[in-house]
Protein backbone atom coordinates (compact mmCIF):
# COMPACT_ATOMS: atom_id res chain seq x y z
CA MET A 1 0.15 -0.04 -0.31
CA LYS A 2 1.35 3.35 -1.19
CA VAL A 3 1.32 5.72 1.64
CA GLY A 4 -1.53 8.64 1.38
CA HIS A 5 -3.13 5.64 -0.67
CA ASN A 6 -6.30 5.07 1.01
CA THR A 7 -7.97 1.84 -1.42
CA ASN A 8 -10.91 2.12 1.14
CA VAL A 9 -11.69 5.83 -0.23
CA GLU A 10 -11.47 4.27 -4.30
CA MET A 11 -13.28 1.64 -3.22
CA LEU A 12 -16.14 3.63 -1.57
CA ALA A 13 -15.81 5.94 -4.63
CA ALA A 14 -16.38 3.08 -7.38
CA LYS A 15 -19.43 1.99 -5.95
CA PRO A 16 -21.68 4.66 -7.05
CA GLN A 17 -20.50 4.07 -10.44
CA GLN A 18 -21.48 0.27 -9.86
CA ASN A 19 -25.37 1.40 -8.58
CA ALA A 20 -25.22 3.52 -11.28
CA ALA A 21 -24.54 0.90 -13.82
CA GLN A 22 -26.69 -1.48 -12.28
CA GLN A 23 -29.63 0.88 -12.56
CA ALA A 24 -29.19 1.52 -15.74
CA GLN A 25 -29.03 -2.33 -16.98
CA GLN A 26 -32.30 -3.04 -15.18
CA LYS A 27 -33.86 0.04 -16.80
CA GLN A 28 -32.77 -1.73 -19.96
CA ASN A 29 -33.86 -4.95 -19.37
CA GLY A 30 -37.29 -4.21 -17.02
CA THR A 31 -38.43 -5.13 -13.98
CA ALA A 32 -38.59 -8.56 -13.23
CA SER A 33 -41.73 -7.93 -12.83
CA GLU A 34 -42.54 -6.48 -16.31
CA VAL A 35 -40.40 -9.63 -17.52
CA VAL A 36 -43.51 -11.81 -16.09
CA GLN A 37 -45.67 -9.71 -16.78
CA GLN A 38 -44.85 -9.48 -20.43
CA THR A 39 -44.21 -13.73 -20.68
CA ARG A 40 -47.51 -14.20 -19.51
CA SER A 41 -49.42 -11.97 -21.79
CA ASN A 42 -47.74 -12.88 -24.75
CA ALA A 43 -48.78 -16.57 -23.86
CA ALA A 44 -52.44 -15.72 -23.24
CA GLY A 45 -53.25 -15.97 -26.33
CA VAL A 46 -51.94 -19.68 -26.97
CA PRO A 47 -54.99 -22.11 -26.97
CA VAL A 48 -55.00 -24.74 -25.06
CA THR A 49 -56.94 -28.37 -25.59
CA MET A 50 -56.68 -31.07 -23.47
CA SER A 51 -57.25 -34.47 -24.45
CA ASN A 52 -61.00 -36.54 -22.96
CA SER A 53 -58.14 -39.06 -21.34
CA ALA A 54 -56.14 -35.99 -19.43
CA ARG A 55 -59.75 -34.72 -17.95
CA SER A 56 -61.16 -38.22 -17.01
CA LEU A 57 -56.90 -38.42 -15.35
CA ASP A 58 -58.57 -34.91 -13.89
CA GLN A 59 -61.71 -36.31 -12.74
CA ASN A 60 -60.25 -39.03 -11.06
CA SER A 61 -57.58 -37.37 -9.15
CA LYS A 62 -60.45 -34.85 -7.47
CA THR A 63 -62.58 -37.76 -6.37
CA SER A 64 -60.08 -39.74 -4.96
CA SER A 65 -57.78 -39.84 -2.69
CA ASP A 66 -54.59 -41.42 -1.26
CA VAL A 67 -54.94 -40.53 1.82
CA ASP A 68 -57.71 -41.75 4.60
CA MET A 69 -58.66 -38.83 6.29
CA ALA A 70 -60.78 -41.17 8.98
CA LYS A 71 -57.21 -42.30 10.08
CA VAL A 72 -55.17 -38.81 9.54
CA ASN A 73 -58.41 -37.05 12.18
CA ALA A 74 -57.91 -40.23 14.95
CA ILE A 75 -54.20 -39.88 14.79
CA ARG A 76 -54.45 -35.98 15.04
CA GLU A 77 -57.29 -36.04 17.85
CA ALA A 78 -54.75 -39.48 19.66
CA ILE A 79 -51.74 -36.63 19.26
CA ALA A 80 -53.57 -33.54 20.54
CA ASN A 81 -55.10 -36.17 23.84
CA GLY A 82 -51.61 -37.44 24.48
CA THR A 83 -52.96 -40.69 23.74
CA PHE A 84 -50.22 -41.56 20.16
CA LYS A 85 -47.76 -43.99 20.83
CA VAL A 86 -44.86 -44.52 18.55
CA ASN A 87 -44.05 -48.02 17.44
CA ALA A 88 -40.26 -47.90 16.94
CA SER A 89 -39.76 -51.16 15.75
CA VAL A 90 -42.52 -50.64 13.28
CA ILE A 91 -41.16 -47.59 11.42
CA ALA A 92 -37.44 -49.16 12.20
CA ASP A 93 -38.66 -52.16 9.99
CA LYS A 94 -40.03 -50.35 7.40
CA MET A 95 -37.23 -47.92 6.97
CA LEU A 96 -35.20 -50.76 6.13
CA VAL A 97 -37.88 -51.96 3.50
CA ASP A 98 -37.77 -49.48 1.47
CA ALA A 99 -33.68 -49.15 1.89
CA SER A 100 -33.37 -52.22 0.57
CA ALA A 101 -35.74 -51.58 -2.41
CA LEU A 102 -34.12 -48.81 -2.97
CA LEU A 103 -30.72 -50.22 -3.01
CA GLY A 104 -31.74 -53.06 -4.72
CA LEU A 105 -33.56 -50.53 -7.16
CA SER A 106 -30.54 -48.90 -8.14
CA ARG A 107 -27.87 -52.41 -8.40
CA ALA A 108 -30.61 -53.02 -11.23
C-alpha cells in the first residue's frame, strides 16, 4: 500500500458508479415483474386443448384420495389427547424395507 493511498476511499468512490450501471441495466431490461407480466401476456393468447383421457385423469384425481382422512383425523385426535404412541420397531422395519428396495433398484 502506498503512503497516502487509501484503497477504501477508492472502493467507496467506485460504488456509486457500479450502482448507476446496475440501475441502467435494470431500466434497459425492465424489472423482473415487468418481464414476468410480459411473458404472461405473450402466453395468454395461446389456445390449449386437453384430451378426453387427460380430463378423465383430472376428474379421477378430484374424486379419489390417496389419504385416508379418517385415519389422519384419528391420529390427529390421539396426538391432541396425548395418547398417540410411536412404535419405533415398526418404523425401523419399514425404513429398512424401503432402503433395501431402493438399493435393489439402483443396482439393477
